[in-house]
């Protein structure tokens, strides 16, 4: 295809390529930031100092002290929530 033959809504091939690249990068950044926010039970347990057991995380979830996000049959925990509730639960690792 030549530059002249690819005209969609008045944009060139180069402009379309740049638009697609920008959109993909924005979506990637959003997905990465969302995934970084969610931790497994193992990762959540290791954030506490000294580290707590996975069973403690499970117990706190069942008791309503922590809120789990259920994805694909697994529980994930928000890093922000863990940090905000850490003082009430136990010391947080720095």
Protein backbone atom coordinates (compact mmCIF):
# COMPACT_ATOMS: atom_id res chain seq x y z
CA UNK A 1 0.00 0.00 0.00
CA UNK A 2 1.21 3.44 -0.72
CA UNK A 3 0.69 6.53 1.38
CA UNK A 4 -1.76 7.95 -1.17
CA UNK A 5 -3.97 4.84 -1.24
CA UNK A 6 -4.52 4.72 2.52
CA UNK A 7 -6.76 7.61 3.39
CA UNK A 8 -9.25 6.90 6.14
CA UNK A 9 -11.28 9.85 7.30
CA UNK A 10 -8.60 12.21 6.07
CA UNK A 11 -5.59 10.79 7.93
CA UNK A 12 -2.43 9.38 6.43
CA UNK A 13 -0.93 5.98 7.06
CA UNK A 14 1.72 7.52 9.33
CA UNK A 15 -0.92 9.37 11.37
CA UNK A 16 -2.96 6.16 11.71
CA UNK A 17 0.13 4.23 12.83
CA UNK A 18 0.95 6.85 15.46
CA UNK A 19 -2.65 6.91 16.67
CA UNK A 20 -2.68 3.13 17.06
CA UNK A 21 0.68 3.12 18.88
CA UNK A 22 -0.51 5.82 21.28
CA UNK A 23 -3.77 3.97 21.98
CA UNK A 24 -2.01 0.66 22.60
CA UNK A 25 0.46 2.29 24.99
CA UNK A 26 -2.35 3.97 26.93
CA UNK A 27 -4.25 0.69 27.28
CA UNK A 28 -1.07 -1.14 28.30
CA UNK A 29 -0.27 1.46 30.96
CA UNK A 30 -3.80 1.25 32.33
CA UNK A 31 -3.71 -2.54 32.51
CA UNK A 32 -0.28 -2.59 34.14
CA UNK A 33 -1.25 -0.01 36.74
CA UNK A 34 -4.45 -1.91 37.56
CA UNK A 35 -2.59 -5.20 37.88
CA UNK A 36 0.10 -3.63 40.06
CA UNK A 37 -2.63 -2.52 42.43
CA UNK A 38 -3.88 -6.07 43.02
CA UNK A 39 -1.87 -8.54 45.07
CA UNK A 40 -2.26 -12.25 45.69
CA UNK A 41 -2.69 -13.50 49.26
CA UNK A 42 0.99 -14.48 49.29
CA UNK A 43 2.10 -11.03 48.16
CA UNK A 44 -0.24 -9.34 50.62
CA UNK A 45 1.10 -11.43 53.51
CA UNK A 46 4.71 -10.50 52.67
CA UNK A 47 3.93 -6.77 52.87
CA UNK A 48 3.57 -6.97 56.63
CA UNK A 49 6.60 -6.82 58.90
CA UNK A 50 7.16 -9.35 60.19
CA UNK A 51 5.42 -11.24 57.41
CA UNK A 52 2.12 -12.79 58.36
CA UNK A 53 0.70 -16.10 57.21
CA UNK A 54 -1.57 -16.56 54.25
CA UNK A 55 -4.11 -18.00 56.67
CA UNK A 56 -4.14 -14.69 58.56
CA UNK A 57 -5.00 -12.87 55.33
CA UNK A 58 -7.79 -15.40 54.74
CA UNK A 59 -9.07 -15.01 58.32
CA UNK A 60 -9.08 -11.21 58.08
CA UNK A 61 -11.01 -11.49 54.80
CA UNK A 62 -13.62 -13.81 56.35
CA UNK A 63 -13.90 -11.49 59.37
CA UNK A 64 -14.51 -8.51 57.07
CA UNK A 65 -11.28 -6.73 58.01
CA UNK A 66 -10.03 -6.95 54.41
CA UNK A 67 -11.94 -6.93 51.16
CA UNK A 68 -10.87 -9.38 48.46
CA UNK A 69 -11.40 -8.92 44.74
CA UNK A 70 -12.39 -12.25 43.20
CA UNK A 71 -10.89 -12.95 39.74
CA UNK A 72 -10.76 -16.34 38.08
CA UNK A 73 -11.52 -18.16 41.32
CA UNK A 74 -8.70 -16.43 43.19
CA UNK A 75 -8.65 -13.67 45.76
CA UNK A 76 -6.66 -10.50 45.16
CA UNK A 77 -6.11 -7.57 47.51
CA UNK A 78 -5.74 -3.90 46.78
CA UNK A 79 -2.34 -2.56 47.78
CA UNK A 80 -3.97 0.76 48.66
CA UNK A 81 -6.47 -0.92 50.97
CA UNK A 82 -3.74 -2.95 52.66
CA UNK A 83 -1.70 0.18 53.25
CA UNK A 84 -4.66 2.14 54.60
CA UNK A 85 -5.72 -0.65 56.97
CA UNK A 86 -2.22 -1.70 58.00
CA UNK A 87 -2.11 0.43 61.14
CA UNK A 88 -5.33 -1.10 62.40
CA UNK A 89 -4.25 -4.63 61.52
CA UNK A 90 -0.49 -4.82 62.03
CA UNK A 91 2.67 -2.90 61.16
CA UNK A 92 3.35 -2.48 57.47
CA UNK A 93 6.74 -3.22 55.95
CA UNK A 94 8.46 -0.10 54.62
